[in-house]
């Protein structure tokens, strides 16, 4: 457990220095070893039969930081992460009206 909260930018710097974007996006790392504490996937989309859009939002609990990684999926050879490791985001509630 970390005692000091890191900013989203500090978390991204630590991640970039210690792993590839694929390792981060697919959660192929140990956040505790990096001093990042518990990490939860709070949203994700993409992959087979879901079109080319791919994203994942990871929540760094002890730091109260959300990082969204965007990519695009190709059924031919997998997911590409041209936009890098991601960006710091915040949850936003929105009211949506549907007419049925």
PDB file of N, CA and C in Angstrom:
ATOM      1  N   UNK A   1       0.844  -1.186   0.000  1.00  0.00           N
ATOM      2  CA  UNK A   1       0.000   0.000   0.000  1.00  0.00           C
ATOM      3  C   UNK A   1       0.883   1.241   0.000  1.00  0.00           C
ATOM      4  N   UNK A   2       0.580   2.163  -0.877  1.00  0.00           N
ATOM      5  CA  UNK A   2       1.363   3.383  -0.941  1.00  0.00           C
ATOM      6  C   UNK A   2       0.846   4.390   0.069  1.00  0.00           C
ATOM      7  N   UNK A   3       1.758   5.213   0.580  1.00  0.00           N
ATOM      8  CA  UNK A   3       1.372   6.236   1.540  1.00  0.00           C
ATOM      9  C   UNK A   3       1.159   7.577   0.872  1.00  0.00           C
ATOM     10  N   UNK A   4       1.749   7.768  -0.294  1.00  0.00           N
ATOM     11  CA  UNK A   4       1.649   9.044  -0.986  1.00  0.00           C
ATOM     12  C   UNK A   4       0.821   8.890  -2.247  1.00  0.00           C
ATOM     13  N   UNK A   5      -0.161   9.769  -2.396  1.00  0.00           N
ATOM     14  CA  UNK A   5      -0.959   9.762  -3.616  1.00  0.00           C
ATOM     15  C   UNK A   5      -0.130  10.317  -4.765  1.00  0.00           C
ATOM     16  N   UNK A   6      -0.232   9.652  -5.893  1.00  0.00           N
ATOM     17  CA  UNK A   6       0.406  10.129  -7.110  1.00  0.00           C
ATOM     18  C   UNK A   6      -0.647  10.780  -7.999  1.00  0.00           C
ATOM     19  N   UNK A   7      -0.232  11.723  -8.813  1.00  0.00           N
ATOM     20  CA  UNK A   7      -1.133  12.306  -9.792  1.00  0.00           C
ATOM     21  C   UNK A   7      -1.242  11.346 -10.971  1.00  0.00           C
ATOM     22  N   UNK A   8      -2.203  11.569 -11.825  1.00  0.00           N
ATOM     23  CA  UNK A   8      -2.337  10.754 -13.018  1.00  0.00           C
ATOM     24  C   UNK A   8      -1.112  10.828 -13.896  1.00  0.00           C
ATOM     25  N   UNK A   9      -0.531  12.006 -14.019  1.00  0.00           N
ATOM     26  CA  UNK A   9       0.669  12.184 -14.832  1.00  0.00           C
ATOM     27  C   UNK A   9       1.838  11.398 -14.248  1.00  0.00           C
ATOM     28  N   UNK A  10       1.972  11.385 -12.925  1.00  0.00           N
ATOM     29  CA  UNK A  10       3.048  10.620 -12.284  1.00  0.00           C
ATOM     30  C   UNK A  10       2.847   9.122 -12.491  1.00  0.00           C
ATOM     31  N   UNK A  11       1.599   8.669 -12.435  1.00  0.00           N
ATOM     32  CA  UNK A  11       1.307   7.253 -12.680  1.00  0.00           C
ATOM     33  C   UNK A  11       1.661   6.894 -14.116  1.00  0.00           C
ATOM     34  N   UNK A  12       1.267   7.729 -15.073  1.00  0.00           N
ATOM     35  CA  UNK A  12       1.596   7.474 -16.473  1.00  0.00           C
ATOM     36  C   UNK A  12       3.105   7.441 -16.691  1.00  0.00           C
ATOM     37  N   UNK A  13       3.838   8.345 -16.057  1.00  0.00           N
ATOM     38  CA  UNK A  13       5.309   8.351 -16.178  1.00  0.00           C
ATOM     39  C   UNK A  13       5.898   7.051 -15.666  1.00  0.00           C
ATOM     40  N   UNK A  14       5.409   6.586 -14.518  1.00  0.00           N
ATOM     41  CA  UNK A  14       5.919   5.344 -13.931  1.00  0.00           C
ATOM     42  C   UNK A  14       5.606   4.147 -14.829  1.00  0.00           C
ATOM     43  N   UNK A  15       4.416   4.126 -15.379  1.00  0.00           N
ATOM     44  CA  UNK A  15       4.010   3.032 -16.263  1.00  0.00           C
ATOM     45  C   UNK A  15       4.864   3.028 -17.527  1.00  0.00           C
ATOM     46  N   UNK A  16       5.032   4.188 -18.140  1.00  0.00           N
ATOM     47  CA  UNK A  16       5.809   4.297 -19.371  1.00  0.00           C
ATOM     48  C   UNK A  16       7.259   3.879 -19.168  1.00  0.00           C
ATOM     49  N   UNK A  17       7.800   4.134 -17.989  1.00  0.00           N
ATOM     50  CA  UNK A  17       9.192   3.790 -17.707  1.00  0.00           C
ATOM     51  C   UNK A  17       9.381   2.293 -17.428  1.00  0.00           C
ATOM     52  N   UNK A  18       8.300   1.569 -17.154  1.00  0.00           N
ATOM     53  CA  UNK A  18       8.445   0.188 -16.694  1.00  0.00           C
ATOM     54  C   UNK A  18       7.789  -0.877 -17.562  1.00  0.00           C
ATOM     55  N   UNK A  19       7.051  -0.488 -18.621  1.00  0.00           N
ATOM     56  CA  UNK A  19       6.372  -1.512 -19.415  1.00  0.00           C
ATOM     57  C   UNK A  19       5.959  -0.960 -20.774  1.00  0.00           C
ATOM     58  N   UNK A  20       5.585  -1.868 -21.640  1.00  0.00           N
ATOM     59  CA  UNK A  20       5.064  -1.463 -22.951  1.00  0.00           C
ATOM     60  C   UNK A  20       3.593  -1.093 -22.814  1.00  0.00           C
ATOM     61  N   UNK A  21       3.088  -0.389 -23.809  1.00  0.00           N
ATOM     62  CA  UNK A  21       1.678  -0.015 -23.793  1.00  0.00           C
ATOM     63  C   UNK A  21       0.794  -1.263 -23.837  1.00  0.00           C
ATOM     64  N   UNK A  22       1.222  -2.310 -24.525  1.00  0.00           N
ATOM     65  CA  UNK A  22       0.445  -3.550 -24.570  1.00  0.00           C
ATOM     66  C   UNK A  22       0.358  -4.198 -23.187  1.00  0.00           C
ATOM     67  N   UNK A  23       1.471  -4.213 -22.445  1.00  0.00           N
ATOM     68  CA  UNK A  23       1.450  -4.779 -21.093  1.00  0.00           C
ATOM     69  C   UNK A  23       0.479  -4.005 -20.210  1.00  0.00           C
ATOM     70  N   UNK A  24       0.502  -2.684 -20.325  1.00  0.00           N
ATOM     71  CA  UNK A  24      -0.406  -1.863 -19.526  1.00  0.00           C
ATOM     72  C   UNK A  24      -1.856  -2.087 -19.932  1.00  0.00           C
ATOM     73  N   UNK A  25      -2.132  -2.022 -21.221  1.00  0.00           N
ATOM     74  CA  UNK A  25      -3.506  -2.142 -21.709  1.00  0.00           C
ATOM     75  C   UNK A  25      -4.121  -3.494 -21.365  1.00  0.00           C
ATOM     76  N   UNK A  26      -3.313  -4.552 -21.419  1.00  0.00           N
ATOM     77  CA  UNK A  26      -3.826  -5.899 -21.139  1.00  0.00           C
ATOM     78  C   UNK A  26      -3.597  -6.323 -19.690  1.00  0.00           C
ATOM     79  N   UNK A  27      -3.199  -5.360 -18.847  1.00  0.00           N
ATOM     80  CA  UNK A  27      -2.993  -5.597 -17.402  1.00  0.00           C
ATOM     81  C   UNK A  27      -1.984  -6.703 -17.139  1.00  0.00           C
ATOM     82  N   UNK A  28      -0.936  -6.749 -17.926  1.00  0.00           N
ATOM     83  CA  UNK A  28       0.109  -7.760 -17.776  1.00  0.00           C
ATOM     84  C   UNK A  28       1.270  -7.180 -16.960  1.00  0.00           C
ATOM     85  N   UNK A  29       0.941  -6.732 -15.742  1.00  0.00           N
ATOM     86  CA  UNK A  29       1.934  -6.134 -14.853  1.00  0.00           C
ATOM     87  C   UNK A  29       1.437  -6.252 -13.421  1.00  0.00           C
ATOM     88  N   UNK A  30       2.338  -6.023 -12.473  1.00  0.00           N
ATOM     89  CA  UNK A  30       1.980  -6.072 -11.062  1.00  0.00           C
ATOM     90  C   UNK A  30       2.001  -4.643 -10.511  1.00  0.00           C
ATOM     91  N   UNK A  31       0.823  -4.022 -10.321  1.00  0.00           N
ATOM     92  CA  UNK A  31       0.789  -2.635  -9.869  1.00  0.00           C
ATOM     93  C   UNK A  31       1.393  -2.441  -8.480  1.00  0.00           C
ATOM     94  N   UNK A  32       1.343  -3.455  -7.644  1.00  0.00           N
ATOM     95  CA  UNK A  32       1.901  -3.345  -6.298  1.00  0.00           C
ATOM     96  C   UNK A  32       3.414  -3.194  -6.353  1.00  0.00           C
ATOM     97  N   UNK A  33       4.069  -3.926  -7.272  1.00  0.00           N
ATOM     98  CA  UNK A  33       5.520  -3.808  -7.417  1.00  0.00           C
ATOM     99  C   UNK A  33       5.940  -2.415  -7.855  1.00  0.00           C
ATOM    100  N   UNK A  34       5.071  -1.713  -8.561  1.00  0.00           N
ATOM    101  CA  UNK A  34       5.374  -0.358  -9.014  1.00  0.00           C
ATOM    102  C   UNK A  34       4.953   0.699  -7.992  1.00  0.00           C
ATOM    103  N   UNK A  35       4.397   0.267  -6.857  1.00  0.00           N
ATOM    104  CA  UNK A  35       3.945   1.210  -5.848  1.00  0.00           C
ATOM    105  C   UNK A  35       2.646   1.887  -6.213  1.00  0.00           C
ATOM    106  N   UNK A  36       1.847   1.235  -7.063  1.00  0.00           N
ATOM    107  CA  UNK A  36       0.595   1.835  -7.512  1.00  0.00           C
ATOM    108  C   UNK A  36      -0.628   1.308  -6.778  1.00  0.00           C
ATOM    109  N   UNK A  37      -0.457   0.284  -5.942  1.00  0.00           N
ATOM    110  CA  UNK A  37      -1.578  -0.256  -5.186  1.00  0.00           C
ATOM    111  C   UNK A  37      -2.588  -0.974  -6.052  1.00  0.00           C
ATOM    112  N   UNK A  38      -3.805  -1.051  -5.559  1.00  0.00           N
ATOM    113  CA  UNK A  38      -4.874  -1.772  -6.252  1.00  0.00           C
ATOM    114  C   UNK A  38      -5.319  -1.028  -7.509  1.00  0.00           C
ATOM    115  N   UNK A  39      -5.532  -1.799  -8.588  1.00  0.00           N
ATOM    116  CA  UNK A  39      -6.023  -1.249  -9.842  1.00  0.00           C
ATOM    117  C   UNK A  39      -7.237  -2.058 -10.267  1.00  0.00           C
ATOM    118  N   UNK A  40      -8.315  -1.354 -10.636  1.00  0.00           N
ATOM    119  CA  UNK A  40      -9.538  -2.010 -11.093  1.00  0.00           C
ATOM    120  C   UNK A  40      -9.855  -1.549 -12.512  1.00  0.00           C
ATOM    121  N   UNK A  41     -10.305  -2.485 -13.341  1.00  0.00           N
ATOM    122  CA  UNK A  41     -10.816  -2.122 -14.655  1.00  0.00           C
ATOM    123  C   UNK A  41     -12.278  -1.737 -14.442  1.00  0.00           C
ATOM    124  N   UNK A  42     -12.613  -0.473 -14.745  1.00  0.00           N
ATOM    125  CA  UNK A  42     -13.972   0.010 -14.492  1.00  0.00           C
ATOM    126  C   UNK A  42     -14.797   0.131 -15.768  1.00  0.00           C
ATOM    127  N   UNK A  43     -14.137   0.075 -16.928  1.00  0.00           N
ATOM    128  CA  UNK A  43     -14.858   0.124 -18.193  1.00  0.00           C
ATOM    129  C   UNK A  43     -13.946  -0.415 -19.285  1.00  0.00           C
ATOM    130  N   UNK A  44     -14.528  -1.134 -20.229  1.00  0.00           N
ATOM    131  CA  UNK A  44     -13.754  -1.596 -21.374  1.00  0.00           C
ATOM    132  C   UNK A  44     -14.703  -1.912 -22.511  1.00  0.00           C
ATOM    133  N   UNK A  45     -14.152  -1.801 -23.718  1.00  0.00           N
ATOM    134  CA  UNK A  45     -14.950  -2.076 -24.900  1.00  0.00           C
ATOM    135  C   UNK A  45     -14.007  -2.459 -26.022  1.00  0.00           C
ATOM    136  N   UNK A  46     -14.418  -3.411 -26.823  1.00  0.00           N
ATOM    137  CA  UNK A  46     -13.674  -3.747 -28.026  1.00  0.00           C
ATOM    138  C   UNK A  46     -13.257  -5.197 -28.086  1.00  0.00           C
ATOM    139  N   UNK A  47     -12.823  -5.567 -29.274  1.00  0.00           N
ATOM    140  CA  UNK A  47     -12.388  -6.932 -29.517  1.00  0.00           C
ATOM    141  C   UNK A  47     -13.226  -7.576 -30.600  1.00  0.00           C
ATOM    142  N   UNK A  48     -13.157  -8.885 -30.702  1.00  0.00           N
ATOM    143  CA  UNK A  48     -13.885  -9.590 -31.757  1.00  0.00           C
ATOM    144  C   UNK A  48     -15.379  -9.261 -31.753  1.00  0.00           C
ATOM    145  N   UNK A  49     -15.933  -9.062 -32.929  1.00  0.00           N
ATOM    146  CA  UNK A  49     -17.359  -8.794 -33.139  1.00  0.00           C
ATOM    147  C   UNK A  49     -17.844  -7.484 -32.524  1.00  0.00           C
ATOM    148  N   UNK A  50     -16.947  -6.546 -32.258  1.00  0.00           N
ATOM    149  CA  UNK A  50     -17.339  -5.267 -31.664  1.00  0.00           C
ATOM    150  C   UNK A  50     -16.857  -4.075 -32.490  1.00  0.00           C
ATOM    151  N   UNK A  51     -16.479  -4.290 -33.727  1.00  0.00           N
ATOM    152  CA  UNK A  51     -15.994  -3.197 -34.557  1.00  0.00           C
ATOM    153  C   UNK A  51     -14.549  -2.856 -34.255  1.00  0.00           C
ATOM    154  N   UNK A  52     -14.113  -1.723 -34.745  1.00  0.00           N
ATOM    155  CA  UNK A  52     -12.698  -1.375 -34.597  1.00  0.00           C
ATOM    156  C   UNK A  52     -12.395  -0.584 -33.324  1.00  0.00           C
ATOM    157  N   UNK A  53     -13.399  -0.071 -32.648  1.00  0.00           N
ATOM    158  CA  UNK A  53     -13.176   0.713 -31.424  1.00  0.00           C
ATOM    159  C   UNK A  53     -12.716  -0.190 -30.285  1.00  0.00           C
ATOM    160  N   UNK A  54     -11.679   0.252 -29.567  1.00  0.00           N
ATOM    161  CA  UNK A  54     -11.166  -0.486 -28.408  1.00  0.00           C
ATOM    162  C   UNK A  54     -10.745   0.543 -27.366  1.00  0.00           C
ATOM    163  N   UNK A  55     -11.179   0.340 -26.105  1.00  0.00           N
ATOM    164  CA  UNK A  55     -10.683   1.162 -25.002  1.00  0.00           C
ATOM    165  C   UNK A  55     -10.829   0.427 -23.686  1.00  0.00           C
ATOM    166  N   UNK A  56     -10.064   0.901 -22.709  1.00  0.00           N
ATOM    167  CA  UNK A  56     -10.134   0.358 -21.353  1.00  0.00           C
ATOM    168  C   UNK A  56      -9.835   1.487 -20.375  1.00  0.00           C
ATOM    169  N   UNK A  57     -10.594   1.533 -19.273  1.00  0.00           N
ATOM    170  CA  UNK A  57     -10.354   2.507 -18.217  1.00  0.00           C
ATOM    171  C   UNK A  57      -9.933   1.747 -16.969  1.00  0.00           C
ATOM    172  N   UNK A  58      -8.744   2.093 -16.464  1.00  0.00           N
ATOM    173  CA  UNK A  58      -8.234   1.479 -15.241  1.00  0.00           C
ATOM    174  C   UNK A  58      -8.271   2.526 -14.124  1.00  0.00           C
ATOM    175  N   UNK A  59      -8.739   2.088 -12.959  1.00  0.00           N
ATOM    176  CA  UNK A  59      -8.869   2.969 -11.798  1.00  0.00           C
ATOM    177  C   UNK A  59      -7.814   2.599 -10.772  1.00  0.00           C
ATOM    178  N   UNK A  60      -6.966   3.559 -10.427  1.00  0.00           N
ATOM    179  CA  UNK A  60      -5.917   3.381  -9.423  1.00  0.00           C
ATOM    180  C   UNK A  60      -6.495   3.842  -8.096  1.00  0.00           C
ATOM    181  N   UNK A  61      -6.979   2.880  -7.324  1.00  0.00           N
ATOM    182  CA  UNK A  61      -7.814   3.124  -6.155  1.00  0.00           C
ATOM    183  C   UNK A  61      -7.149   4.047  -5.132  1.00  0.00           C
ATOM    184  N   UNK A  62      -5.936   3.730  -4.727  1.00  0.00           N
ATOM    185  CA  UNK A  62      -5.278   4.494  -3.663  1.00  0.00           C
ATOM    186  C   UNK A  62      -4.936   5.923  -4.074  1.00  0.00           C
ATOM    187  N   UNK A  63      -4.925   6.178  -5.361  1.00  0.00           N
ATOM    188  CA  UNK A  63      -4.579   7.508  -5.866  1.00  0.00           C
ATOM    189  C   UNK A  63      -5.797   8.256  -6.400  1.00  0.00           C
ATOM    190  N   UNK A  64      -6.940   7.552  -6.487  1.00  0.00           N
ATOM    191  CA  UNK A  64      -8.185   8.108  -7.029  1.00  0.00           C
ATOM    192  C   UNK A  64      -7.953   8.686  -8.426  1.00  0.00           C
ATOM    193  N   UNK A  65      -7.321   7.870  -9.280  1.00  0.00           N
ATOM    194  CA  UNK A  65      -6.972   8.281 -10.639  1.00  0.00           C
ATOM    195  C   UNK A  65      -7.522   7.264 -11.630  1.00  0.00           C
ATOM    196  N   UNK A  66      -8.118   7.771 -12.698  1.00  0.00           N
ATOM    197  CA  UNK A  66      -8.618   6.942 -13.797  1.00  0.00           C
ATOM    198  C   UNK A  66      -7.766   7.213 -15.033  1.00  0.00           C
ATOM    199  N   UNK A  67      -7.334   6.150 -15.710  1.00  0.00           N
ATOM    200  CA  UNK A  67      -6.581   6.300 -16.950  1.00  0.00           C
ATOM    201  C   UNK A  67      -7.268   5.489 -18.035  1.00  0.00           C
ATOM    202  N   UNK A  68      -7.564   6.166 -19.142  1.00  0.00           N
ATOM    203  CA  UNK A  68      -8.214   5.520 -20.282  1.00  0.00           C
ATOM    204  C   UNK A  68      -7.181   5.312 -21.382  1.00  0.00           C
ATOM    205  N   UNK A  69      -7.084   4.068 -21.850  1.00  0.00           N
ATOM    206  CA  UNK A  69      -6.213   3.717 -22.959  1.00  0.00           C
ATOM    207  C   UNK A  69      -7.092   3.420 -24.163  1.00  0.00           C
ATOM    208  N   UNK A  70      -6.816   4.105 -25.278  1.00  0.00           N
ATOM    209  CA  UNK A  70      -7.586   3.908 -26.503  1.00  0.00           C
ATOM    210  C   UNK A  70      -6.737   3.190 -27.538  1.00  0.00           C
ATOM    211  N   UNK A  71      -7.415   2.382 -28.323  1.00  0.00           N
ATOM    212  CA  UNK A  71      -6.762   1.695 -29.417  1.00  0.00           C
ATOM    213  C   UNK A  71      -7.782   1.395 -30.492  1.00  0.00           C
ATOM    214  N   UNK A  72      -7.370   0.632 -31.473  1.00  0.00           N
ATOM    215  CA  UNK A  72      -8.322   0.170 -32.479  1.00  0.00           C
ATOM    216  C   UNK A  72      -8.033  -1.283 -32.776  1.00  0.00           C
ATOM    217  N   UNK A  73      -9.098  -2.016 -32.981  1.00  0.00           N
ATOM    218  CA  UNK A  73      -9.020  -3.463 -33.131  1.00  0.00           C
ATOM    219  C   UNK A  73      -9.149  -3.867 -34.593  1.00  0.00           C
ATOM    220  N   UNK A  74      -8.305  -4.796 -35.004  1.00  0.00           N
ATOM    221  CA  UNK A  74      -8.358  -5.381 -36.336  1.00  0.00           C
ATOM    222  C   UNK A  74      -8.494  -6.885 -36.182  1.00  0.00           C
ATOM    223  N   UNK A  75      -9.496  -7.457 -36.816  1.00  0.00           N
ATOM    224  CA  UNK A  75      -9.686  -8.904 -36.697  1.00  0.00           C
ATOM    225  C   UNK A  75      -8.524  -9.670 -37.317  1.00  0.00           C
ATOM    226  N   UNK A  76      -7.791  -9.010 -38.189  1.00  0.00           N
ATOM    227  CA  UNK A  76      -6.675  -9.673 -38.856  1.00  0.00           C
ATOM    228  C   UNK A  76      -5.475  -9.881 -37.926  1.00  0.00           C
ATOM    229  N   UNK A  77      -5.145  -8.841 -37.122  1.00  0.00           N
ATOM    230  CA  UNK A  77      -3.952  -9.002 -36.275  1.00  0.00           C
ATOM    231  C   UNK A  77      -4.007  -8.297 -34.926  1.00  0.00           C
ATOM    232  N   UNK A  78      -5.159  -8.071 -34.368  1.00  0.00           N
ATOM    233  CA  UNK A  78      -5.253  -7.615 -32.988  1.00  0.00           C
ATOM    234  C   UNK A  78      -5.448  -6.126 -32.805  1.00  0.00           C
ATOM    235  N   UNK A  79      -5.028  -5.628 -31.644  1.00  0.00           N
ATOM    236  CA  UNK A  79      -5.270  -4.253 -31.242  1.00  0.00           C
ATOM    237  C   UNK A  79      -4.007  -3.414 -31.375  1.00  0.00           C
ATOM    238  N   UNK A  80      -4.186  -2.198 -31.865  1.00  0.00           N
ATOM    239  CA  UNK A  80      -3.098  -1.236 -32.010  1.00  0.00           C
ATOM    240  C   UNK A  80      -3.328  -0.081 -31.042  1.00  0.00           C
ATOM    241  N   UNK A  81      -2.243   0.432 -30.482  1.00  0.00           N
ATOM    242  CA  UNK A  81      -2.320   1.519 -29.511  1.00  0.00           C
ATOM    243  C   UNK A  81      -1.556   2.737 -30.030  1.00  0.00           C
ATOM    244  N   UNK A  82      -2.007   3.290 -31.140  1.00  0.00           N
ATOM    245  CA  UNK A  82      -1.342   4.426 -31.769  1.00  0.00           C
ATOM    246  C   UNK A  82      -1.376   5.680 -30.905  1.00  0.00           C
ATOM    247  N   UNK A  83      -2.325   5.770 -29.991  1.00  0.00           N
ATOM    248  CA  UNK A  83      -2.457   6.966 -29.147  1.00  0.00           C
ATOM    249  C   UNK A  83      -1.673   6.846 -27.851  1.00  0.00           C
ATOM    250  N   UNK A  84      -0.905   5.776 -27.686  1.00  0.00           N
ATOM    251  CA  UNK A  84      -0.042   5.646 -26.519  1.00  0.00           C
ATOM    252  C   UNK A  84      -0.732   5.025 -25.318  1.00  0.00           C
ATOM    253  N   UNK A  85      -0.155   5.280 -24.169  1.00  0.00           N
ATOM    254  CA  UNK A  85      -0.571   4.645 -22.921  1.00  0.00           C
ATOM    255  C   UNK A  85      -1.941   5.109 -22.445  1.00  0.00           C
ATOM    256  N   UNK A  86      -2.328   6.289 -22.802  1.00  0.00           N
ATOM    257  CA  UNK A  86      -3.636   6.762 -22.397  1.00  0.00           C
ATOM    258  C   UNK A  86      -3.592   8.153 -21.827  1.00  0.00           C
ATOM    259  N   UNK A  87      -4.722   8.539 -21.257  1.00  0.00           N
ATOM    260  CA  UNK A  87      -4.843   9.861 -20.658  1.00  0.00           C
ATOM    261  C   UNK A  87      -5.663   9.767 -19.385  1.00  0.00           C
ATOM    262  N   UNK A  88      -5.471  10.753 -18.535  1.00  0.00           N
ATOM    263  CA  UNK A  88      -6.200  10.818 -17.278  1.00  0.00           C
ATOM    264  C   UNK A  88      -7.620  11.292 -17.584  1.00  0.00           C
ATOM    265  N   UNK A  89      -8.600  10.578 -17.055  1.00  0.00           N
ATOM    266  CA  UNK A  89     -10.004  10.913 -17.252  1.00  0.00           C
ATOM    267  C   UNK A  89     -10.716  10.919 -15.905  1.00  0.00           C
ATOM    268  N   UNK A  90     -11.932  11.410 -15.897  1.00  0.00           N
ATOM    269  CA  UNK A  90     -12.764  11.416 -14.689  1.00  0.00           C
ATOM    270  C   UNK A  90     -14.134  10.880 -15.049  1.00  0.00           C
ATOM    271  N   UNK A  91     -14.788  10.194 -14.124  1.00  0.00           N
ATOM    272  CA  UNK A  91     -16.149   9.747 -14.409  1.00  0.00           C
ATOM    273  C   UNK A  91     -17.098  10.945 -14.447  1.00  0.00           C
ATOM    274  N   UNK A  92     -18.013  10.912 -15.394  1.00  0.00           N
ATOM    275  CA  UNK A  92     -18.995  11.981 -15.549  1.00  0.00           C
ATOM    276  C   UNK A  92     -20.361  11.332 -15.706  1.00  0.00           C
ATOM    277  N   UNK A  93     -21.312  11.764 -14.906  1.00  0.00           N
ATOM    278  CA  UNK A  93     -22.684  11.295 -15.045  1.00  0.00           C
ATOM    279  C   UNK A  93     -23.396  12.178 -16.055  1.00  0.00           C
ATOM    280  N   UNK A  94     -24.143  11.550 -16.975  1.00  0.00           N
ATOM    281  CA  UNK A  94     -24.897  12.289 -17.982  1.00  0.00           C
ATOM    282  C   UNK A  94     -26.319  11.760 -18.010  1.00  0.00           C
ATOM    283  N   UNK A  95     -27.243  12.662 -18.203  1.00  0.00           N
ATOM    284  CA  UNK A  95     -28.640  12.295 -18.344  1.00  0.00           C
ATOM    285  C   UNK A  95     -28.919  12.053 -19.824  1.00  0.00           C
ATOM    286  N   UNK A  96     -29.478  10.910 -20.133  1.00  0.00           N
ATOM    287  CA  UNK A  96     -29.796  10.557 -21.508  1.00  0.00           C
ATOM    288  C   UNK A  96     -31.281  10.284 -21.602  1.00  0.00           C
ATOM    289  N   UNK A  97     -31.913  10.856 -22.625  1.00  0.00           N
ATOM    290  CA  UNK A  97     -33.345  10.643 -22.840  1.00  0.00           C
ATOM    291  C   UNK A  97     -33.541   9.751 -24.044  1.00  0.00           C
ATOM    292  N   UNK A  98     -34.339   8.716 -23.872  1.00  0.00           N
ATOM    293  CA  UNK A  98     -34.703   7.822 -24.973  1.00  0.00           C
ATOM    294  C   UNK A  98     -36.193   7.939 -25.219  1.00  0.00           C
ATOM    295  N   UNK A  99     -36.608   7.831 -26.467  1.00  0.00           N
ATOM    296  CA  UNK A  99     -38.019   7.827 -26.824  1.00  0.00           C
ATOM    297  C   UNK A  99     -38.323   6.496 -27.469  1.00  0.00           C
ATOM    298  N   UNK A 100     -39.206   5.756 -26.846  1.00  0.00           N
ATOM    299  CA  UNK A 100     -39.533   4.411 -27.333  1.00  0.00           C
ATOM    300  C   UNK A 100     -40.989   4.293 -27.684  1.00  0.00           C
TER     301      UNK A 100
END
